[in-house]
Amino acid sequence: MKRLAGKIAIVTGSSSGIGKAIALTFGKEGAAVVIAARRKDLCEKTVAQIRKEGGDAMAIQTDVTDEAQVERLITETVKRYGRLDLLVNNAGIGGGGRIESTSTETFDRVLNTNLRGTFFCCRAGFRQMKQNGGGTIINMSSVAGVQAWTGTGTYSASKHGIMALTKSLADEGRAYKIKASAICPGGVADELVDATPDEILRSEQISPYDIAETAVYLATLGPYTVVHQIIVDRLGADW
């Protein structure tokens, strides 16, 4: 039996990279998947790949920095499928360097996308899951969300913020059977999501499909089990 059969999932930032790997994997495991990202043409390409494998998917063009678009994403998903079981908040960007040379514009852009966007999605998804009687929210953080190094200040600040949101959401969700977890990857070959397994292996980076399997694991835990964070790092990474 497929591990996510009958589940309704939204994956943000799923037109490419880690988000796309998660969406494709969820589709293969039987979930109906809503592909949400800014680039509509790439969203439709991911939908086509899921449908080619016999899965169910739809695309909703979404900029997570826009509160109204996030609300529409949840509304349209429920209109089509009736509920929301799984929400993966993966949409995010890199940016910034050394703090002294980071512009205010860059800082705002990274925080607005990574942290504010995740907040909008968590809030809207949580409200819907309360009506459902439960659900699972998975937020994509980073190893930079539990550590920070020279040149990561802005990005790390956004990802540390996601960790705080996740921990608070997990506590707030207990009474409503809503779980919240964070995945913290480092060194993912996200640009190779459409490559062959051998090509991904030769990159000596983490396969985006390993992150996808981590998301499936979190989505299939028993009703009384929650994992608050999982760090998935590259073999030999220097901490």
C-alpha atoms as a PDB file:
ATOM      1  CA  MET A   1       0.000   0.000   0.000  1.00  0.00           C
ATOM      2  CA  LYS A   2       1.223   3.491  -0.777  1.00  0.00           C
ATOM      3  CA  ARG A   3       2.368   5.277   2.372  1.00  0.00           C
ATOM      4  CA  LEU A   4       0.427   8.505   1.804  1.00  0.00           C
ATOM      5  CA  ALA A   5      -2.654   7.085   0.114  1.00  0.00           C
ATOM      6  CA  GLY A   6      -5.634   9.390   0.516  1.00  0.00           C
ATOM      7  CA  LYS A   7      -3.665  12.291   1.995  1.00  0.00           C
ATOM      8  CA  ILE A   8      -3.986  15.858   0.732  1.00  0.00           C
ATOM      9  CA  ALA A   9      -0.686  17.768   0.676  1.00  0.00           C
ATOM     10  CA  ILE A  10       0.557  21.242  -0.166  1.00  0.00           C
ATOM     11  CA  VAL A  11       4.266  21.662  -0.905  1.00  0.00           C
ATOM     12  CA  THR A  12       5.503  25.232  -1.340  1.00  0.00           C
ATOM     13  CA  GLY A  13       8.525  25.963  -3.466  1.00  0.00           C
ATOM     14  CA  SER A  14       7.832  22.698  -5.287  1.00  0.00           C
ATOM     15  CA  SER A  15       8.553  23.795  -8.843  1.00  0.00           C
ATOM     16  CA  SER A  16      12.231  22.877  -8.401  1.00  0.00           C
ATOM     17  CA  GLY A  17      14.841  21.568  -5.978  1.00  0.00           C
ATOM     18  CA  ILE A  18      13.994  19.947  -2.654  1.00  0.00           C
ATOM     19  CA  GLY A  19      10.359  20.970  -2.868  1.00  0.00           C
ATOM     20  CA  LYS A  20       9.957  19.292  -6.231  1.00  0.00           C
ATOM     21  CA  ALA A  21      11.580  16.096  -4.941  1.00  0.00           C
ATOM     22  CA  ILE A  22       9.143  16.086  -2.015  1.00  0.00           C
ATOM     23  CA  ALA A  23       6.154  16.710  -4.285  1.00  0.00           C
ATOM     24  CA  LEU A  24       7.153  13.945  -6.715  1.00  0.00           C
ATOM     25  CA  THR A  25       7.739  11.509  -3.859  1.00  0.00           C
ATOM     26  CA  PHE A  26       4.451  12.391  -2.145  1.00  0.00           C
ATOM     27  CA  GLY A  27       2.683  11.840  -5.460  1.00  0.00           C
ATOM     28  CA  LYS A  28       4.262   8.413  -5.913  1.00  0.00           C
ATOM     29  CA  GLU A  29       3.202   7.524  -2.375  1.00  0.00           C
ATOM     30  CA  GLY A  30      -0.444   8.250  -3.128  1.00  0.00           C
ATOM     31  CA  ALA A  31      -0.997  11.791  -1.869  1.00  0.00           C
ATOM     32  CA  ALA A  32      -2.893  14.373  -3.878  1.00  0.00           C
ATOM     33  CA  VAL A  33      -0.305  17.139  -4.150  1.00  0.00           C
ATOM     34  CA  VAL A  34      -0.789  20.869  -4.612  1.00  0.00           C
ATOM     35  CA  ILE A  35       2.256  22.389  -6.288  1.00  0.00           C
ATOM     36  CA  ALA A  36       2.737  25.949  -5.034  1.00  0.00           C
ATOM     37  CA  ALA A  37       5.481  28.263  -6.299  1.00  0.00           C
ATOM     38  CA  ARG A  38       5.950  31.558  -8.097  1.00  0.00           C
ATOM     39  CA  ARG A  39       6.837  30.140 -11.526  1.00  0.00           C
ATOM     40  CA  LYS A  40       3.595  28.789 -12.979  1.00  0.00           C
ATOM     41  CA  ASP A  41       5.228  27.060 -15.954  1.00  0.00           C
ATOM     42  CA  LEU A  42       7.507  25.045 -13.685  1.00  0.00           C
ATOM     43  CA  CYS A  43       4.598  24.267 -11.341  1.00  0.00           C
ATOM     44  CA  GLU A  44       2.697  22.799 -14.282  1.00  0.00           C
ATOM     45  CA  LYS A  45       5.746  20.761 -15.285  1.00  0.00           C
ATOM     46  CA  THR A  46       5.869  19.180 -11.825  1.00  0.00           C
ATOM     47  CA  VAL A  47       2.132  18.472 -11.997  1.00  0.00           C
ATOM     48  CA  ALA A  48       2.624  16.764 -15.359  1.00  0.00           C
ATOM     49  CA  GLN A  49       5.409  14.573 -13.957  1.00  0.00           C
ATOM     50  CA  ILE A  50       3.216  13.462 -11.055  1.00  0.00           C
ATOM     51  CA  ARG A  51       0.267  12.724 -13.323  1.00  0.00           C
ATOM     52  CA  LYS A  52       2.498  10.788 -15.722  1.00  0.00           C
ATOM     53  CA  GLU A  53       3.246   8.412 -12.834  1.00  0.00           C
ATOM     54  CA  GLY A  54      -0.459   8.012 -12.148  1.00  0.00           C
ATOM     55  CA  GLY A  55      -0.675  10.518  -9.304  1.00  0.00           C
ATOM     56  CA  ASP A  56      -3.049  13.379  -8.578  1.00  0.00           C
ATOM     57  CA  ALA A  57      -1.761  16.952  -8.545  1.00  0.00           C
ATOM     58  CA  MET A  58      -2.737  20.540  -9.252  1.00  0.00           C
ATOM     59  CA  ALA A  59      -0.776  23.786  -9.504  1.00  0.00           C
ATOM     60  CA  ILE A  60      -1.569  27.004  -7.670  1.00  0.00           C
ATOM     61  CA  GLN A  61       0.820  29.838  -8.473  1.00  0.00           C
ATOM     62  CA  THR A  62       1.783  31.306  -5.100  1.00  0.00           C
ATOM     63  CA  ASP A  63       4.192  33.881  -3.770  1.00  0.00           C
ATOM     64  CA  VAL A  64       4.448  33.059  -0.057  1.00  0.00           C
ATOM     65  CA  THR A  65       5.433  36.638   0.763  1.00  0.00           C
ATOM     66  CA  ASP A  66       1.910  37.699  -0.235  1.00  0.00           C
ATOM     67  CA  GLU A  67      -0.555  37.002   2.583  1.00  0.00           C
ATOM     68  CA  ALA A  68      -3.574  37.024   0.257  1.00  0.00           C
ATOM     69  CA  GLN A  69      -1.972  34.501  -2.100  1.00  0.00           C
ATOM     70  CA  VAL A  70      -1.224  32.158   0.797  1.00  0.00           C
ATOM     71  CA  GLU A  71      -4.829  32.364   2.003  1.00  0.00           C
ATOM     72  CA  ARG A  72      -5.997  31.638  -1.549  1.00  0.00           C
ATOM     73  CA  LEU A  73      -3.687  28.626  -1.692  1.00  0.00           C
ATOM     74  CA  ILE A  74      -5.371  27.052   1.323  1.00  0.00           C
ATOM     75  CA  THR A  75      -8.873  27.996   0.171  1.00  0.00           C
ATOM     76  CA  GLU A  76      -8.406  26.586  -3.335  1.00  0.00           C
ATOM     77  CA  THR A  77      -6.877  23.388  -1.993  1.00  0.00           C
ATOM     78  CA  VAL A  78      -9.840  22.763   0.304  1.00  0.00           C
ATOM     79  CA  LYS A  79     -12.261  23.719  -2.461  1.00  0.00           C
ATOM     80  CA  ARG A  80     -10.720  21.043  -4.698  1.00  0.00           C
ATOM     81  CA  TYR A  81      -9.949  18.286  -2.202  1.00  0.00           C
ATOM     82  CA  GLY A  82     -12.083  19.029   0.853  1.00  0.00           C
ATOM     83  CA  ARG A  83      -9.329  19.269   3.466  1.00  0.00           C
ATOM     84  CA  LEU A  84      -5.601  19.625   4.132  1.00  0.00           C
ATOM     85  CA  ASP A  85      -3.581  16.849   5.794  1.00  0.00           C
ATOM     86  CA  LEU A  86       0.053  17.753   5.059  1.00  0.00           C
ATOM     87  CA  LEU A  87       1.716  21.120   4.611  1.00  0.00           C
ATOM     88  CA  VAL A  88       5.394  21.326   3.662  1.00  0.00           C
ATOM     89  CA  ASN A  89       6.739  24.869   3.895  1.00  0.00           C
ATOM     90  CA  ASN A  90       9.771  24.618   1.670  1.00  0.00           C
ATOM     91  CA  ALA A  91       9.741  27.912  -0.265  1.00  0.00           C
ATOM     92  CA  GLY A  92      12.847  29.913   0.488  1.00  0.00           C
ATOM     93  CA  ILE A  93      15.822  31.786  -0.902  1.00  0.00           C
ATOM     94  CA  GLY A  94      19.468  32.297  -0.032  1.00  0.00           C
ATOM     95  CA  GLY A  95      21.175  35.621   0.304  1.00  0.00           C
ATOM     96  CA  GLY A  96      23.368  37.848   2.376  1.00  0.00           C
ATOM     97  CA  GLY A  97      27.029  37.507   3.199  1.00  0.00           C
ATOM     98  CA  ARG A  98      29.047  39.078   5.932  1.00  0.00           C
ATOM     99  CA  ILE A  99      26.713  41.118   8.118  1.00  0.00           C
ATOM    100  CA  GLU A 100      28.706  44.324   7.671  1.00  0.00           C
ATOM    101  CA  SER A 101      28.231  44.211   3.911  1.00  0.00           C
ATOM    102  CA  THR A 102      24.624  42.970   3.769  1.00  0.00           C
ATOM    103  CA  SER A 103      22.185  45.576   2.503  1.00  0.00           C
ATOM    104  CA  THR A 104      18.898  46.255   4.238  1.00  0.00           C
ATOM    105  CA  GLU A 105      17.146  45.312   1.005  1.00  0.00           C
ATOM    106  CA  THR A 106      18.809  41.889   0.960  1.00  0.00           C
ATOM    107  CA  PHE A 107      18.068  41.292   4.642  1.00  0.00           C
ATOM    108  CA  ASP A 108      14.403  42.183   4.150  1.00  0.00           C
ATOM    109  CA  ARG A 109      14.077  40.023   1.031  1.00  0.00           C
ATOM    110  CA  VAL A 110      15.496  36.915   2.732  1.00  0.00           C
ATOM    111  CA  LEU A 111      13.494  37.364   5.934  1.00  0.00           C
ATOM    112  CA  ASN A 112      10.283  38.148   4.046  1.00  0.00           C
ATOM    113  CA  THR A 113      10.526  34.996   1.962  1.00  0.00           C
ATOM    114  CA  ASN A 114      11.965  32.505   4.414  1.00  0.00           C
ATOM    115  CA  LEU A 115      10.502  33.562   7.746  1.00  0.00           C
ATOM    116  CA  ARG A 116       7.507  35.762   6.998  1.00  0.00           C
ATOM    117  CA  GLY A 117       6.405  33.460   4.168  1.00  0.00           C
ATOM    118  CA  THR A 118       6.674  30.403   6.414  1.00  0.00           C
ATOM    119  CA  PHE A 119       4.683  32.245   9.087  1.00  0.00           C
ATOM    120  CA  PHE A 120       1.880  33.049   6.635  1.00  0.00           C
ATOM    121  CA  CYS A 121       1.712  29.411   5.517  1.00  0.00           C
ATOM    122  CA  CYS A 122       1.899  27.999   9.048  1.00  0.00           C
ATOM    123  CA  ARG A 123      -0.863  30.299  10.247  1.00  0.00           C
ATOM    124  CA  ALA A 124      -3.230  29.579   7.352  1.00  0.00           C
ATOM    125  CA  GLY A 125      -2.481  25.849   7.360  1.00  0.00           C
ATOM    126  CA  PHE A 126      -2.895  25.561  11.127  1.00  0.00           C
ATOM    127  CA  ARG A 127      -6.295  27.243  11.017  1.00  0.00           C
ATOM    128  CA  GLN A 128      -7.486  24.818   8.355  1.00  0.00           C
ATOM    129  CA  MET A 129      -6.085  21.768  10.140  1.00  0.00           C
ATOM    130  CA  LYS A 130      -7.977  22.744  13.297  1.00  0.00           C
ATOM    131  CA  GLN A 131     -11.149  22.411  11.250  1.00  0.00           C
ATOM    132  CA  ASN A 132      -9.945  19.081   9.848  1.00  0.00           C
ATOM    133  CA  GLY A 133      -9.301  17.620  13.284  1.00  0.00           C
ATOM    134  CA  GLY A 134      -5.514  17.444  12.815  1.00  0.00           C
ATOM    135  CA  GLY A 135      -2.643  17.401  10.356  1.00  0.00           C
ATOM    136  CA  THR A 136       1.114  17.634   9.920  1.00  0.00           C
ATOM    137  CA  ILE A 137       3.170  20.736   9.170  1.00  0.00           C
ATOM    138  CA  ILE A 138       6.768  20.275   8.033  1.00  0.00           C
ATOM    139  CA  ASN A 139       8.969  23.361   7.861  1.00  0.00           C
ATOM    140  CA  MET A 140      12.203  23.395   5.888  1.00  0.00           C
ATOM    141  CA  SER A 141      14.929  24.926   7.993  1.00  0.00           C
ATOM    142  CA  SER A 142      18.641  24.222   7.514  1.00  0.00           C
ATOM    143  CA  VAL A 143      21.791  23.283   9.360  1.00  0.00           C
ATOM    144  CA  ALA A 144      22.142  27.076   9.329  1.00  0.00           C
ATOM    145  CA  GLY A 145      19.014  27.114  11.475  1.00  0.00           C
ATOM    146  CA  VAL A 146      20.828  25.389  14.328  1.00  0.00           C
ATOM    147  CA  GLN A 147      24.318  26.794  13.702  1.00  0.00           C
ATOM    148  CA  ALA A 148      25.732  29.931  12.103  1.00  0.00           C
ATOM    149  CA  TRP A 149      29.013  30.715  10.394  1.00  0.00           C
ATOM    150  CA  THR A 150      30.759  33.674   8.830  1.00  0.00           C
ATOM    151  CA  GLY A 151      28.699  34.822   5.878  1.00  0.00           C
ATOM    152  CA  THR A 152      25.458  33.102   6.915  1.00  0.00           C
ATOM    153  CA  GLY A 153      24.073  35.764   9.256  1.00  0.00           C
ATOM    154  CA  THR A 154      21.001  36.803   7.268  1.00  0.00           C
ATOM    155  CA  TYR A 155      20.127  33.319   6.039  1.00  0.00           C
ATOM    156  CA  SER A 156      20.772  31.806   9.473  1.00  0.00           C
ATOM    157  CA  ALA A 157      18.589  34.432  11.124  1.00  0.00           C
ATOM    158  CA  SER A 158      15.691  33.451   8.868  1.00  0.00           C
ATOM    159  CA  LYS A 159      16.193  29.736   9.463  1.00  0.00           C
ATOM    160  CA  HIS A 160      16.631  30.119  13.237  1.00  0.00           C
ATOM    161  CA  GLY A 161      13.336  31.982  13.157  1.00  0.00           C
ATOM    162  CA  ILE A 162      11.711  29.038  11.395  1.00  0.00           C
ATOM    163  CA  MET A 163      12.933  26.765  14.180  1.00  0.00           C
ATOM    164  CA  ALA A 164      11.260  29.006  16.767  1.00  0.00           C
ATOM    165  CA  LEU A 165       8.018  29.066  14.792  1.00  0.00           C
ATOM    166  CA  THR A 166       8.091  25.288  14.507  1.00  0.00           C
ATOM    167  CA  LYS A 167       8.656  24.711  18.212  1.00  0.00           C
ATOM    168  CA  SER A 168       5.860  27.098  19.167  1.00  0.00           C
ATOM    169  CA  LEU A 169       3.519  25.595  16.597  1.00  0.00           C
ATOM    170  CA  ALA A 170       4.201  22.083  17.880  1.00  0.00           C
ATOM    171  CA  ASP A 171       3.226  23.148  21.377  1.00  0.00           C
ATOM    172  CA  GLU A 172       0.146  25.039  20.219  1.00  0.00           C
ATOM    173  CA  GLY A 173      -0.940  22.148  18.006  1.00  0.00           C
ATOM    174  CA  ARG A 174      -0.983  19.376  20.590  1.00  0.00           C
ATOM    175  CA  ALA A 175      -4.556  20.077  21.657  1.00  0.00           C
ATOM    176  CA  TYR A 176      -5.736  19.878  18.053  1.00  0.00           C
ATOM    177  CA  LYS A 177      -3.735  16.827  16.886  1.00  0.00           C
ATOM    178  CA  ILE A 178      -1.585  19.074  14.702  1.00  0.00           C
ATOM    179  CA  LYS A 179       2.085  18.120  14.506  1.00  0.00           C
ATOM    180  CA  ALA A 180       4.898  20.475  13.537  1.00  0.00           C
ATOM    181  CA  SER A 181       8.411  19.386  12.620  1.00  0.00           C
ATOM    182  CA  ALA A 182      11.486  20.950  11.040  1.00  0.00           C
ATOM    183  CA  ILE A 183      13.942  19.378   8.617  1.00  0.00           C
ATOM    184  CA  CYS A 184      17.433  20.910   8.711  1.00  0.00           C
ATOM    185  CA  PRO A 185      19.397  19.894   5.609  1.00  0.00           C
ATOM    186  CA  GLY A 186      22.903  20.852   4.636  1.00  0.00           C
ATOM    187  CA  GLY A 187      24.664  20.426   1.282  1.00  0.00           C
ATOM    188  CA  VAL A 188      21.774  19.185  -0.852  1.00  0.00           C
ATOM    189  CA  ALA A 189      22.159  18.656  -4.599  1.00  0.00           C
ATOM    190  CA  ASP A 190      18.896  20.485  -5.135  1.00  0.00           C
ATOM    191  CA  GLU A 191      19.736  21.512  -8.693  1.00  0.00           C
ATOM    192  CA  LEU A 192      19.964  17.815  -9.641  1.00  0.00           C
ATOM    193  CA  VAL A 193      16.359  16.947  -8.803  1.00  0.00           C
ATOM    194  CA  ASP A 194      15.734  15.828 -12.410  1.00  0.00           C
ATOM    195  CA  ALA A 195      19.101  14.080 -12.765  1.00  0.00           C
ATOM    196  CA  THR A 196      19.716  10.342 -12.665  1.00  0.00           C
ATOM    197  CA  PRO A 197      20.539   8.657  -9.353  1.00  0.00           C
ATOM    198  CA  ASP A 198      24.098   8.099 -10.594  1.00  0.00           C
ATOM    199  CA  GLU A 199      24.536  11.781 -11.392  1.00  0.00           C
ATOM    200  CA  ILE A 200      23.267  12.737  -7.947  1.00  0.00           C
ATOM    201  CA  LEU A 201      25.602  10.205  -6.347  1.00  0.00           C
ATOM    202  CA  ARG A 202      28.605  11.595  -8.230  1.00  0.00           C
ATOM    203  CA  SER A 203      27.886  15.060  -6.862  1.00  0.00           C
ATOM    204  CA  GLU A 204      28.831  13.782  -3.375  1.00  0.00           C
ATOM    205  CA  GLN A 205      26.017  15.911  -1.990  1.00  0.00           C
ATOM    206  CA  ILE A 206      22.824  14.932  -0.225  1.00  0.00           C
ATOM    207  CA  SER A 207      20.206  13.645  -2.633  1.00  0.00           C
ATOM    208  CA  PRO A 208      17.056  15.793  -2.636  1.00  0.00           C
ATOM    209  CA  TYR A 209      15.177  12.501  -2.560  1.00  0.00           C
ATOM    210  CA  ASP A 210      16.742  11.703   0.820  1.00  0.00           C
ATOM    211  CA  ILE A 211      15.142  14.902   2.101  1.00  0.00           C
ATOM    212  CA  ALA A 212      11.891  13.811   0.459  1.00  0.00           C
ATOM    213  CA  GLU A 213      12.084  10.465   2.263  1.00  0.00           C
ATOM    214  CA  THR A 214      12.613  12.351   5.522  1.00  0.00           C
ATOM    215  CA  ALA A 215       9.409  14.285   4.839  1.00  0.00           C
ATOM    216  CA  VAL A 216       7.533  11.041   4.138  1.00  0.00           C
ATOM    217  CA  TYR A 217       8.833   9.621   7.419  1.00  0.00           C
ATOM    218  CA  LEU A 218       7.519  12.624   9.349  1.00  0.00           C
ATOM    219  CA  ALA A 219       4.207  12.422   7.502  1.00  0.00           C
ATOM    220  CA  THR A 220       3.676   8.763   8.375  1.00  0.00           C
ATOM    221  CA  LEU A 221       4.485   8.667  12.082  1.00  0.00           C
ATOM    222  CA  GLY A 222       1.864   7.251  14.422  1.00  0.00           C
ATOM    223  CA  PRO A 223      -0.777   9.543  15.913  1.00  0.00           C
ATOM    224  CA  TYR A 224       1.057   9.983  19.217  1.00  0.00           C
ATOM    225  CA  THR A 225       4.573  10.386  17.816  1.00  0.00           C
ATOM    226  CA  VAL A 226       6.186  13.657  16.804  1.00  0.00           C
ATOM    227  CA  VAL A 227       9.796  14.427  15.885  1.00  0.00           C
ATOM    228  CA  HIS A 228      10.530  18.094  16.406  1.00  0.00           C
ATOM    229  CA  GLN A 229      13.614  18.395  14.208  1.00  0.00           C
ATOM    230  CA  ILE A 230      15.793  16.264  11.981  1.00  0.00           C
ATOM    231  CA  ILE A 231      19.279  17.371  10.906  1.00  0.00           C
ATOM    232  CA  VAL A 232      20.293  15.801   7.596  1.00  0.00           C
ATOM    233  CA  ASP A 233      23.893  16.711   6.846  1.00  0.00           C
ATOM    234  CA  ARG A 234      26.442  15.725   4.241  1.00  0.00           C
ATOM    235  CA  LEU A 235      28.867  12.990   5.204  1.00  0.00           C
ATOM    236  CA  GLY A 236      32.089  14.589   6.386  1.00  0.00           C
ATOM    237  CA  ALA A 237      30.609  18.049   6.882  1.00  0.00           C
ATOM    238  CA  ASP A 238      32.710  20.269   9.131  1.00  0.00           C
ATOM    239  CA  TRP A 239      30.842  21.440  12.200  1.00  0.00           C
END
